[in-house]
Every structure is written in C-alpha cells, then in structure tokens.
Amino acid sequence: TRFCKYCGAPLEGERPASERPSRAASE
C-alpha cells in the first residue's frame, strides 16, 4: 500500500515492521 490506512502518511520507502530496527531505550 502507498499510504497509511490510519493516518494517511505515505508508506513509500518504509521497510516491513519485522525488519525495522527497534528504537533504543534512550529514544
């Protein structure tokens, strides 16, 4: 899909959720 179905933000260039690095605890 090209846009988020919840907020409408563009999804082009986004990686699958399983490949996204988890945010550090400091962030």
mmCIF file of all heavy atoms, coordinates in Angstrom:
data_MODEL
# 
_entry.id   MODEL 
# 
loop_
_atom_site.group_PDB 
_atom_site.id 
_atom_site.type_symbol 
_atom_site.label_atom_id 
_atom_site.label_alt_id 
_atom_site.label_comp_id 
_atom_site.label_asym_id 
_atom_site.label_entity_id 
_atom_site.label_seq_id 
_atom_site.pdbx_PDB_ins_code 
_atom_site.Cartn_x 
_atom_site.Cartn_y 
_atom_site.Cartn_z 
_atom_site.occupancy 
_atom_site.B_iso_or_equiv 
_atom_site.pdbx_formal_charge 
_atom_site.auth_seq_id 
_atom_site.auth_comp_id 
_atom_site.auth_asym_id 
_atom_site.auth_atom_id 
_atom_site.pdbx_PDB_model_num 
ATOM 1   N N   . THR A 1 1  ? 0.836  -1.203 0.000  1.00 0.00 ? 1  THR A N   1 
ATOM 2   C CA  . THR A 1 1  ? 0.000  0.000  0.000  1.00 0.00 ? 1  THR A CA  1 
ATOM 3   C C   . THR A 1 1  ? 0.869  1.250  0.000  1.00 0.00 ? 1  THR A C   1 
ATOM 4   O O   . THR A 1 1  ? 1.977  1.244  0.517  1.00 0.00 ? 1  THR A O   1 
ATOM 5   C CB  . THR A 1 1  ? -0.930 0.014  1.213  1.00 0.00 ? 1  THR A CB  1 
ATOM 6   O OG1 . THR A 1 1  ? -0.126 -0.125 2.404  1.00 0.00 ? 1  THR A OG1 1 
ATOM 7   C CG2 . THR A 1 1  ? -1.921 -1.121 1.155  1.00 0.00 ? 1  THR A CG2 1 
ATOM 8   N N   . ARG A 1 2  ? 0.352  2.330  -0.581 1.00 0.00 ? 2  ARG A N   1 
ATOM 9   C CA  . ARG A 1 2  ? 1.133  3.556  -0.725 1.00 0.00 ? 2  ARG A CA  1 
ATOM 10  C C   . ARG A 1 2  ? 0.943  4.513  0.435  1.00 0.00 ? 2  ARG A C   1 
ATOM 11  O O   . ARG A 1 2  ? 1.837  5.282  0.748  1.00 0.00 ? 2  ARG A O   1 
ATOM 12  C CB  . ARG A 1 2  ? 0.747  4.255  -2.032 1.00 0.00 ? 2  ARG A CB  1 
ATOM 13  C CG  . ARG A 1 2  ? 1.016  3.429  -3.288 1.00 0.00 ? 2  ARG A CG  1 
ATOM 14  C CD  . ARG A 1 2  ? 0.592  4.188  -4.532 1.00 0.00 ? 2  ARG A CD  1 
ATOM 15  N NE  . ARG A 1 2  ? 1.238  5.491  -4.619 1.00 0.00 ? 2  ARG A NE  1 
ATOM 16  C CZ  . ARG A 1 2  ? 0.953  6.413  -5.524 1.00 0.00 ? 2  ARG A CZ  1 
ATOM 17  N NH1 . ARG A 1 2  ? -0.005 6.171  -6.413 1.00 0.00 ? 2  ARG A NH1 1 
ATOM 18  N NH2 . ARG A 1 2  ? 1.576  7.583  -5.525 1.00 0.00 ? 2  ARG A NH2 1 
ATOM 19  N N   . PHE A 1 3  ? -0.217 4.463  1.085  1.00 0.00 ? 3  PHE A N   1 
ATOM 20  C CA  . PHE A 1 3  ? -0.493 5.389  2.169  1.00 0.00 ? 3  PHE A CA  1 
ATOM 21  C C   . PHE A 1 3  ? -1.009 4.615  3.374  1.00 0.00 ? 3  PHE A C   1 
ATOM 22  O O   . PHE A 1 3  ? -1.631 3.552  3.234  1.00 0.00 ? 3  PHE A O   1 
ATOM 23  C CB  . PHE A 1 3  ? -1.522 6.445  1.741  1.00 0.00 ? 3  PHE A CB  1 
ATOM 24  C CG  . PHE A 1 3  ? -1.079 7.293  0.581  1.00 0.00 ? 3  PHE A CG  1 
ATOM 25  C CD1 . PHE A 1 3  ? -1.446 6.968  -0.706 1.00 0.00 ? 3  PHE A CD1 1 
ATOM 26  C CD2 . PHE A 1 3  ? -0.266 8.405  0.786  1.00 0.00 ? 3  PHE A CD2 1 
ATOM 27  C CE1 . PHE A 1 3  ? -1.044 7.730  -1.785 1.00 0.00 ? 3  PHE A CE1 1 
ATOM 28  C CE2 . PHE A 1 3  ? 0.146  9.175  -0.291 1.00 0.00 ? 3  PHE A CE2 1 
ATOM 29  C CZ  . PHE A 1 3  ? -0.233 8.839  -1.567 1.00 0.00 ? 3  PHE A CZ  1 
ATOM 30  N N   . CYS A 1 4  ? -0.775 5.143  4.551  1.00 0.00 ? 4  CYS A N   1 
ATOM 31  C CA  . CYS A 1 4  ? -1.222 4.516  5.795  1.00 0.00 ? 4  CYS A CA  1 
ATOM 32  C C   . CYS A 1 4  ? -2.742 4.616  5.883  1.00 0.00 ? 4  CYS A C   1 
ATOM 33  O O   . CYS A 1 4  ? -3.323 5.670  5.648  1.00 0.00 ? 4  CYS A O   1 
ATOM 34  C CB  . CYS A 1 4  ? -0.568 5.191  7.002  1.00 0.00 ? 4  CYS A CB  1 
ATOM 35  S SG  . CYS A 1 4  ? -1.106 4.522  8.594  1.00 0.00 ? 4  CYS A SG  1 
ATOM 36  N N   . LYS A 1 5  ? -3.382 3.504  6.231  1.00 0.00 ? 5  LYS A N   1 
ATOM 37  C CA  . LYS A 1 5  ? -4.836 3.496  6.300  1.00 0.00 ? 5  LYS A CA  1 
ATOM 38  C C   . LYS A 1 5  ? -5.356 4.101  7.596  1.00 0.00 ? 5  LYS A C   1 
ATOM 39  O O   . LYS A 1 5  ? -6.579 4.242  7.760  1.00 0.00 ? 5  LYS A O   1 
ATOM 40  C CB  . LYS A 1 5  ? -5.354 2.063  6.192  1.00 0.00 ? 5  LYS A CB  1 
ATOM 41  C CG  . LYS A 1 5  ? -4.857 1.129  7.300  1.00 0.00 ? 5  LYS A CG  1 
ATOM 42  C CD  . LYS A 1 5  ? -5.334 -0.273 7.083  1.00 0.00 ? 5  LYS A CD  1 
ATOM 43  C CE  . LYS A 1 5  ? -4.798 -1.217 8.155  1.00 0.00 ? 5  LYS A CE  1 
ATOM 44  N NZ  . LYS A 1 5  ? -5.225 -2.594 7.920  1.00 0.00 ? 5  LYS A NZ  1 
ATOM 45  N N   . TYR A 1 6  ? -4.462 4.469  8.514  1.00 0.00 ? 6  TYR A N   1 
ATOM 46  C CA  . TYR A 1 6  ? -4.895 5.052  9.776  1.00 0.00 ? 6  TYR A CA  1 
ATOM 47  C C   . TYR A 1 6  ? -4.677 6.569  9.825  1.00 0.00 ? 6  TYR A C   1 
ATOM 48  O O   . TYR A 1 6  ? -5.545 7.298  10.295 1.00 0.00 ? 6  TYR A O   1 
ATOM 49  C CB  . TYR A 1 6  ? -4.160 4.394  10.943 1.00 0.00 ? 6  TYR A CB  1 
ATOM 50  C CG  . TYR A 1 6  ? -4.304 2.901  10.963 1.00 0.00 ? 6  TYR A CG  1 
ATOM 51  C CD1 . TYR A 1 6  ? -3.213 2.069  10.704 1.00 0.00 ? 6  TYR A CD1 1 
ATOM 52  C CD2 . TYR A 1 6  ? -5.538 2.300  11.216 1.00 0.00 ? 6  TYR A CD2 1 
ATOM 53  C CE1 . TYR A 1 6  ? -3.345 0.694  10.722 1.00 0.00 ? 6  TYR A CE1 1 
ATOM 54  C CE2 . TYR A 1 6  ? -5.679 0.941  11.217 1.00 0.00 ? 6  TYR A CE2 1 
ATOM 55  C CZ  . TYR A 1 6  ? -4.584 0.129  10.978 1.00 0.00 ? 6  TYR A CZ  1 
ATOM 56  O OH  . TYR A 1 6  ? -4.721 -1.225 10.986 1.00 0.00 ? 6  TYR A OH  1 
ATOM 57  N N   . CYS A 1 7  ? -3.508 7.043  9.353  1.00 0.00 ? 7  CYS A N   1 
ATOM 58  C CA  . CYS A 1 7  ? -3.222 8.483  9.420  1.00 0.00 ? 7  CYS A CA  1 
ATOM 59  C C   . CYS A 1 7  ? -3.011 9.106  8.052  1.00 0.00 ? 7  CYS A C   1 
ATOM 60  O O   . CYS A 1 7  ? -2.887 10.322 7.949  1.00 0.00 ? 7  CYS A O   1 
ATOM 61  C CB  . CYS A 1 7  ? -1.998 8.731  10.309 1.00 0.00 ? 7  CYS A CB  1 
ATOM 62  S SG  . CYS A 1 7  ? -0.447 8.082  9.630  1.00 0.00 ? 7  CYS A SG  1 
ATOM 63  N N   . GLY A 1 8  ? -2.912 8.307  6.974  1.00 0.00 ? 8  GLY A N   1 
ATOM 64  C CA  . GLY A 1 8  ? -2.760 8.835  5.632  1.00 0.00 ? 8  GLY A CA  1 
ATOM 65  C C   . GLY A 1 8  ? -1.343 9.185  5.233  1.00 0.00 ? 8  GLY A C   1 
ATOM 66  O O   . GLY A 1 8  ? -1.128 9.738  4.159  1.00 0.00 ? 8  GLY A O   1 
ATOM 67  N N   . ALA A 1 9  ? -0.356 8.885  6.071  1.00 0.00 ? 9  ALA A N   1 
ATOM 68  C CA  . ALA A 1 9  ? 1.031  9.215  5.735  1.00 0.00 ? 9  ALA A CA  1 
ATOM 69  C C   . ALA A 1 9  ? 1.527  8.311  4.606  1.00 0.00 ? 9  ALA A C   1 
ATOM 70  O O   . ALA A 1 9  ? 1.128  7.145  4.514  1.00 0.00 ? 9  ALA A O   1 
ATOM 71  C CB  . ALA A 1 9  ? 1.921  9.063  6.963  1.00 0.00 ? 9  ALA A CB  1 
ATOM 72  N N   . PRO A 1 10 ? 2.410  8.804  3.719  1.00 0.00 ? 10 PRO A N   1 
ATOM 73  C CA  . PRO A 1 10 ? 2.943  7.944  2.648  1.00 0.00 ? 10 PRO A CA  1 
ATOM 74  C C   . PRO A 1 10 ? 3.817  6.852  3.215  1.00 0.00 ? 10 PRO A C   1 
ATOM 75  O O   . PRO A 1 10 ? 4.563  7.050  4.170  1.00 0.00 ? 10 PRO A O   1 
ATOM 76  C CB  . PRO A 1 10 ? 3.728  8.923  1.774  1.00 0.00 ? 10 PRO A CB  1 
ATOM 77  C CG  . PRO A 1 10 ? 4.057  10.082 2.670  1.00 0.00 ? 10 PRO A CG  1 
ATOM 78  C CD  . PRO A 1 10 ? 2.922  10.194 3.645  1.00 0.00 ? 10 PRO A CD  1 
ATOM 79  N N   . LEU A 1 11 ? 3.732  5.657  2.604  1.00 0.00 ? 11 LEU A N   1 
ATOM 80  C CA  . LEU A 1 11 ? 4.478  4.488  3.061  1.00 0.00 ? 11 LEU A CA  1 
ATOM 81  C C   . LEU A 1 11 ? 5.598  4.111  2.111  1.00 0.00 ? 11 LEU A C   1 
ATOM 82  O O   . LEU A 1 11 ? 6.227  3.071  2.313  1.00 0.00 ? 11 LEU A O   1 
ATOM 83  C CB  . LEU A 1 11 ? 3.535  3.291  3.224  1.00 0.00 ? 11 LEU A CB  1 
ATOM 84  C CG  . LEU A 1 11 ? 2.424  3.443  4.261  1.00 0.00 ? 11 LEU A CG  1 
ATOM 85  C CD1 . LEU A 1 11 ? 1.539  2.214  4.266  1.00 0.00 ? 11 LEU A CD1 1 
ATOM 86  C CD2 . LEU A 1 11 ? 3.010  3.672  5.644  1.00 0.00 ? 11 LEU A CD2 1 
ATOM 87  N N   . GLU A 1 12 ? 5.857  4.892  1.070  1.00 0.00 ? 12 GLU A N   1 
ATOM 88  C CA  . GLU A 1 12 ? 6.908  4.547  0.125  1.00 0.00 ? 12 GLU A CA  1 
ATOM 89  C C   . GLU A 1 12 ? 8.256  4.635  0.819  1.00 0.00 ? 12 GLU A C   1 
ATOM 90  O O   . GLU A 1 12 ? 8.576  5.604  1.508  1.00 0.00 ? 12 GLU A O   1 
ATOM 91  C CB  . GLU A 1 12 ? 6.868  5.487  -1.077 1.00 0.00 ? 12 GLU A CB  1 
ATOM 92  C CG  . GLU A 1 12 ? 5.573  5.377  -1.887 1.00 0.00 ? 12 GLU A CG  1 
ATOM 93  C CD  . GLU A 1 12 ? 5.593  6.298  -3.084 1.00 0.00 ? 12 GLU A CD  1 
ATOM 94  O OE1 . GLU A 1 12 ? 6.588  7.026  -3.235 1.00 0.00 ? 12 GLU A OE1 1 
ATOM 95  O OE2 . GLU A 1 12 ? 4.615  6.278  -3.855 1.00 0.00 ? 12 GLU A OE2 1 
ATOM 96  N N   . GLY A 1 13 ? 9.063  3.623  0.633  1.00 0.00 ? 13 GLY A N   1 
ATOM 97  C CA  . GLY A 1 13 ? 10.385 3.576  1.252  1.00 0.00 ? 13 GLY A CA  1 
ATOM 98  C C   . GLY A 1 13 ? 10.380 2.968  2.631  1.00 0.00 ? 13 GLY A C   1 
ATOM 99  O O   . GLY A 1 13 ? 11.458 2.757  3.213  1.00 0.00 ? 13 GLY A O   1 
ATOM 100 N N   . GLU A 1 14 ? 9.193  2.657  3.184  1.00 0.00 ? 14 GLU A N   1 
ATOM 101 C CA  . GLU A 1 14 ? 9.148  2.054  4.505  1.00 0.00 ? 14 GLU A CA  1 
ATOM 102 C C   . GLU A 1 14 ? 9.452  0.574  4.392  1.00 0.00 ? 14 GLU A C   1 
ATOM 103 O O   . GLU A 1 14 ? 9.015  -0.109 3.471  1.00 0.00 ? 14 GLU A O   1 
ATOM 104 C CB  . GLU A 1 14 ? 7.763  2.258  5.146  1.00 0.00 ? 14 GLU A CB  1 
ATOM 105 C CG  . GLU A 1 14 ? 7.417  3.710  5.404  1.00 0.00 ? 14 GLU A CG  1 
ATOM 106 C CD  . GLU A 1 14 ? 8.261  4.302  6.524  1.00 0.00 ? 14 GLU A CD  1 
ATOM 107 O OE1 . GLU A 1 14 ? 8.816  3.525  7.311  1.00 0.00 ? 14 GLU A OE1 1 
ATOM 108 O OE2 . GLU A 1 14 ? 8.386  5.526  6.584  1.00 0.00 ? 14 GLU A OE2 1 
ATOM 109 N N   . ARG A 1 15 ? 10.204 0.066  5.357  1.00 0.00 ? 15 ARG A N   1 
ATOM 110 C CA  . ARG A 1 15 ? 10.533 -1.355 5.392  1.00 0.00 ? 15 ARG A CA  1 
ATOM 111 C C   . ARG A 1 15 ? 9.499  -2.095 6.219  1.00 0.00 ? 15 ARG A C   1 
ATOM 112 O O   . ARG A 1 15 ? 8.798  -1.493 7.022  1.00 0.00 ? 15 ARG A O   1 
ATOM 113 C CB  . ARG A 1 15 ? 11.929 -1.564 5.985  1.00 0.00 ? 15 ARG A CB  1 
ATOM 114 C CG  . ARG A 1 15 ? 13.056 -1.087 5.088  1.00 0.00 ? 15 ARG A CG  1 
ATOM 115 C CD  . ARG A 1 15 ? 14.393 -1.293 5.752  1.00 0.00 ? 15 ARG A CD  1 
ATOM 116 N NE  . ARG A 1 15 ? 14.560 -0.424 6.916  1.00 0.00 ? 15 ARG A NE  1 
ATOM 117 C CZ  . ARG A 1 15 ? 15.599 -0.468 7.726  1.00 0.00 ? 15 ARG A CZ  1 
ATOM 118 N NH1 . ARG A 1 15 ? 16.565 -1.350 7.511  1.00 0.00 ? 15 ARG A NH1 1 
ATOM 119 N NH2 . ARG A 1 15 ? 15.690 0.334  8.752  1.00 0.00 ? 15 ARG A NH2 1 
ATOM 120 N N   . PRO A 1 16 ? 9.392  -3.439 6.012  1.00 0.00 ? 16 PRO A N   1 
ATOM 121 C CA  . PRO A 1 16 ? 8.459  -4.200 6.844  1.00 0.00 ? 16 PRO A CA  1 
ATOM 122 C C   . PRO A 1 16 ? 8.760  -4.008 8.325  1.00 0.00 ? 16 PRO A C   1 
ATOM 123 O O   . PRO A 1 16 ? 9.884  -3.732 8.737  1.00 0.00 ? 16 PRO A O   1 
ATOM 124 C CB  . PRO A 1 16 ? 8.692  -5.646 6.390  1.00 0.00 ? 16 PRO A CB  1 
ATOM 125 C CG  . PRO A 1 16 ? 9.239  -5.525 5.020  1.00 0.00 ? 16 PRO A CG  1 
ATOM 126 C CD  . PRO A 1 16 ? 10.042 -4.255 4.996  1.00 0.00 ? 16 PRO A CD  1 
ATOM 127 N N   . ALA A 1 17 ? 7.714  -4.175 9.131  1.00 0.00 ? 17 ALA A N   1 
ATOM 128 C CA  . ALA A 1 17 ? 7.856  -3.946 10.567 1.00 0.00 ? 17 ALA A CA  1 
ATOM 129 C C   . ALA A 1 17 ? 8.851  -4.912 11.193 1.00 0.00 ? 17 ALA A C   1 
ATOM 130 O O   . ALA A 1 17 ? 9.529  -4.580 12.160 1.00 0.00 ? 17 ALA A O   1 
ATOM 131 C CB  . ALA A 1 17 ? 6.490  -4.074 11.246 1.00 0.00 ? 17 ALA A CB  1 
ATOM 132 N N   . SER A 1 18 ? 8.961  -6.151 10.643 1.00 0.00 ? 18 SER A N   1 
ATOM 133 C CA  . SER A 1 18 ? 9.895  -7.112 11.219 1.00 0.00 ? 18 SER A CA  1 
ATOM 134 C C   . SER A 1 18 ? 11.346 -6.753 10.944 1.00 0.00 ? 18 SER A C   1 
ATOM 135 O O   . SER A 1 18 ? 12.244 -7.237 11.625 1.00 0.00 ? 18 SER A O   1 
ATOM 136 C CB  . SER A 1 18 ? 9.597  -8.505 10.665 1.00 0.00 ? 18 SER A CB  1 
ATOM 137 O OG  . SER A 1 18 ? 9.695  -8.485 9.240  1.00 0.00 ? 18 SER A OG  1 
ATOM 138 N N   . GLU A 1 19 ? 11.619 -5.910 9.904  1.00 0.00 ? 19 GLU A N   1 
ATOM 139 C CA  . GLU A 1 19 ? 12.988 -5.537 9.579  1.00 0.00 ? 19 GLU A CA  1 
ATOM 140 C C   . GLU A 1 19 ? 13.378 -4.186 10.132 1.00 0.00 ? 19 GLU A C   1 
ATOM 141 O O   . GLU A 1 19 ? 14.533 -3.773 10.011 1.00 0.00 ? 19 GLU A O   1 
ATOM 142 C CB  . GLU A 1 19 ? 13.161 -5.507 8.053  1.00 0.00 ? 19 GLU A CB  1 
ATOM 143 C CG  . GLU A 1 19 ? 12.869 -6.848 7.383  1.00 0.00 ? 19 GLU A CG  1 
ATOM 144 C CD  . GLU A 1 19 ? 13.017 -6.759 5.883  1.00 0.00 ? 19 GLU A CD  1 
ATOM 145 O OE1 . GLU A 1 19 ? 13.416 -5.660 5.422  1.00 0.00 ? 19 GLU A OE1 1 
ATOM 146 O OE2 . GLU A 1 19 ? 12.752 -7.752 5.189  1.00 0.00 ? 19 GLU A OE2 1 
ATOM 147 N N   . ARG A 1 20 ? 12.432 -3.455 10.719 1.00 0.00 ? 20 ARG A N   1 
ATOM 148 C CA  . ARG A 1 20 ? 12.759 -2.133 11.249 1.00 0.00 ? 20 ARG A CA  1 
ATOM 149 C C   . ARG A 1 20 ? 13.514 -2.294 12.557 1.00 0.00 ? 20 ARG A C   1 
ATOM 150 O O   . ARG A 1 20 ? 13.123 -3.065 13.430 1.00 0.00 ? 20 ARG A O   1 
ATOM 151 C CB  . ARG A 1 20 ? 11.479 -1.325 11.488 1.00 0.00 ? 20 ARG A CB  1 
ATOM 152 C CG  . ARG A 1 20 ? 10.729 -0.991 10.226 1.00 0.00 ? 20 ARG A CG  1 
ATOM 153 C CD  . ARG A 1 20 ? 9.463  -0.216 10.570 1.00 0.00 ? 20 ARG A CD  1 
ATOM 154 N NE  . ARG A 1 20 ? 9.793  1.055  11.199 1.00 0.00 ? 20 ARG A NE  1 
ATOM 155 C CZ  . ARG A 1 20 ? 9.981  2.179  10.542 1.00 0.00 ? 20 ARG A CZ  1 
ATOM 156 N NH1 . ARG A 1 20 ? 9.903  2.191  9.228  1.00 0.00 ? 20 ARG A NH1 1 
ATOM 157 N NH2 . ARG A 1 20 ? 10.247 3.307  11.161 1.00 0.00 ? 20 ARG A NH2 1 
ATOM 158 N N   . PRO A 1 21 ? 14.626 -1.578 12.733 1.00 0.00 ? 21 PRO A N   1 
ATOM 159 C CA  . PRO A 1 21 ? 15.354 -1.687 13.999 1.00 0.00 ? 21 PRO A CA  1 
ATOM 160 C C   . PRO A 1 21 ? 14.539 -1.089 15.132 1.00 0.00 ? 21 PRO A C   1 
ATOM 161 O O   . PRO A 1 21 ? 13.858 -0.077 14.974 1.00 0.00 ? 21 PRO A O   1 
ATOM 162 C CB  . PRO A 1 21 ? 16.636 -0.879 13.740 1.00 0.00 ? 21 PRO A CB  1 
ATOM 163 C CG  . PRO A 1 21 ? 16.251 0.083  12.654 1.00 0.00 ? 21 PRO A CG  1 
ATOM 164 C CD  . PRO A 1 21 ? 15.238 -0.635 11.804 1.00 0.00 ? 21 PRO A CD  1 
ATOM 165 N N   . SER A 1 22 ? 14.582 -1.773 16.252 1.00 0.00 ? 22 SER A N   1 
ATOM 166 C CA  . SER A 1 22 ? 13.840 -1.283 17.412 1.00 0.00 ? 22 SER A CA  1 
ATOM 167 C C   . SER A 1 22 ? 14.502 -0.027 17.952 1.00 0.00 ? 22 SER A C   1 
ATOM 168 O O   . SER A 1 22 ? 15.725 0.124  17.936 1.00 0.00 ? 22 SER A O   1 
ATOM 169 C CB  . SER A 1 22 ? 13.801 -2.362 18.499 1.00 0.00 ? 22 SER A CB  1 
ATOM 170 O OG  . SER A 1 22 ? 15.114 -2.710 18.880 1.00 0.00 ? 22 SER A OG  1 
ATOM 171 N N   . ARG A 1 23 ? 13.686 0.867  18.439 1.00 0.00 ? 23 ARG A N   1 
ATOM 172 C CA  . ARG A 1 23 ? 14.210 2.105  18.981 1.00 0.00 ? 23 ARG A CA  1 
ATOM 173 C C   . ARG A 1 23 ? 14.952 1.864  20.275 1.00 0.00 ? 23 ARG A C   1 
ATOM 174 O O   . ARG A 1 23 ? 14.558 1.035  21.089 1.00 0.00 ? 23 ARG A O   1 
ATOM 175 C CB  . ARG A 1 23 ? 13.045 3.088  19.219 1.00 0.00 ? 23 ARG A CB  1 
ATOM 176 C CG  . ARG A 1 23 ? 12.376 3.548  17.945 1.00 0.00 ? 23 ARG A CG  1 
ATOM 177 C CD  . ARG A 1 23 ? 11.322 4.565  18.259 1.00 0.00 ? 23 ARG A CD  1 
ATOM 178 N NE  . ARG A 1 23 ? 10.275 3.983  19.084 1.00 0.00 ? 23 ARG A NE  1 
ATOM 179 C CZ  . ARG A 1 23 ? 9.252  4.678  19.561 1.00 0.00 ? 23 ARG A CZ  1 
ATOM 180 N NH1 . ARG A 1 23 ? 9.156  5.966  19.314 1.00 0.00 ? 23 ARG A NH1 1 
ATOM 181 N NH2 . ARG A 1 23 ? 8.329  4.090  20.297 1.00 0.00 ? 23 ARG A NH2 1 
ATOM 182 N N   . ALA A 1 24 ? 16.029 2.601  20.448 1.00 0.00 ? 24 ALA A N   1 
ATOM 183 C CA  . ALA A 1 24 ? 16.812 2.450  21.667 1.00 0.00 ? 24 ALA A CA  1 
ATOM 184 C C   . ALA A 1 24 ? 16.017 2.970  22.850 1.00 0.00 ? 24 ALA A C   1 
ATOM 185 O O   . ALA A 1 24 ? 15.087 3.742  22.729 1.00 0.00 ? 24 ALA A O   1 
ATOM 186 C CB  . ALA A 1 24 ? 18.138 3.221  21.541 1.00 0.00 ? 24 ALA A CB  1 
ATOM 187 N N   . ALA A 1 25 ? 16.427 2.515  24.019 1.00 0.00 ? 25 ALA A N   1 
ATOM 188 C CA  . ALA A 1 25 ? 15.711 2.921  25.224 1.00 0.00 ? 25 ALA A CA  1 
ATOM 189 C C   . ALA A 1 25 ? 15.826 4.418  25.457 1.00 0.00 ? 25 ALA A C   1 
ATOM 190 O O   . ALA A 1 25 ? 14.936 5.051  26.009 1.00 0.00 ? 25 ALA A O   1 
ATOM 191 C CB  . ALA A 1 25 ? 16.239 2.148  26.431 1.00 0.00 ? 25 ALA A CB  1 
ATOM 192 N N   . SER A 1 26 ? 16.951 5.003  25.005 1.00 0.00 ? 26 SER A N   1 
ATOM 193 C CA  . SER A 1 26 ? 17.119 6.432  25.213 1.00 0.00 ? 26 SER A CA  1 
ATOM 194 C C   . SER A 1 26 ? 16.207 7.254  24.337 1.00 0.00 ? 26 SER A C   1 
ATOM 195 O O   . SER A 1 26 ? 15.889 8.396  24.649 1.00 0.00 ? 26 SER A O   1 
ATOM 196 C CB  . SER A 1 26 ? 18.579 6.828  24.938 1.00 0.00 ? 26 SER A CB  1 
ATOM 197 O OG  . SER A 1 26 ? 18.925 6.482  23.597 1.00 0.00 ? 26 SER A OG  1 
ATOM 198 N N   . GLU A 1 27 ? 15.738 6.672  23.153 1.00 0.00 ? 27 GLU A N   1 
ATOM 199 C CA  . GLU A 1 27 ? 14.872 7.412  22.267 1.00 0.00 ? 27 GLU A CA  1 
ATOM 200 C C   . GLU A 1 27 ? 13.414 7.320  22.666 1.00 0.00 ? 27 GLU A C   1 
ATOM 201 O O   . GLU A 1 27 ? 12.591 8.053  22.164 1.00 0.00 ? 27 GLU A O   1 
ATOM 202 C CB  . GLU A 1 27 ? 15.033 6.884  20.836 1.00 0.00 ? 27 GLU A CB  1 
ATOM 203 C CG  . GLU A 1 27 ? 16.450 7.047  20.309 1.00 0.00 ? 27 GLU A CG  1 
ATOM 204 C CD  . GLU A 1 27 ? 16.563 6.472  18.917 1.00 0.00 ? 27 GLU A CD  1 
ATOM 205 O OE1 . GLU A 1 27 ? 15.539 5.967  18.417 1.00 0.00 ? 27 GLU A OE1 1 
ATOM 206 O OE2 . GLU A 1 27 ? 17.651 6.533  18.343 1.00 0.00 ? 27 GLU A OE2 1 
# 
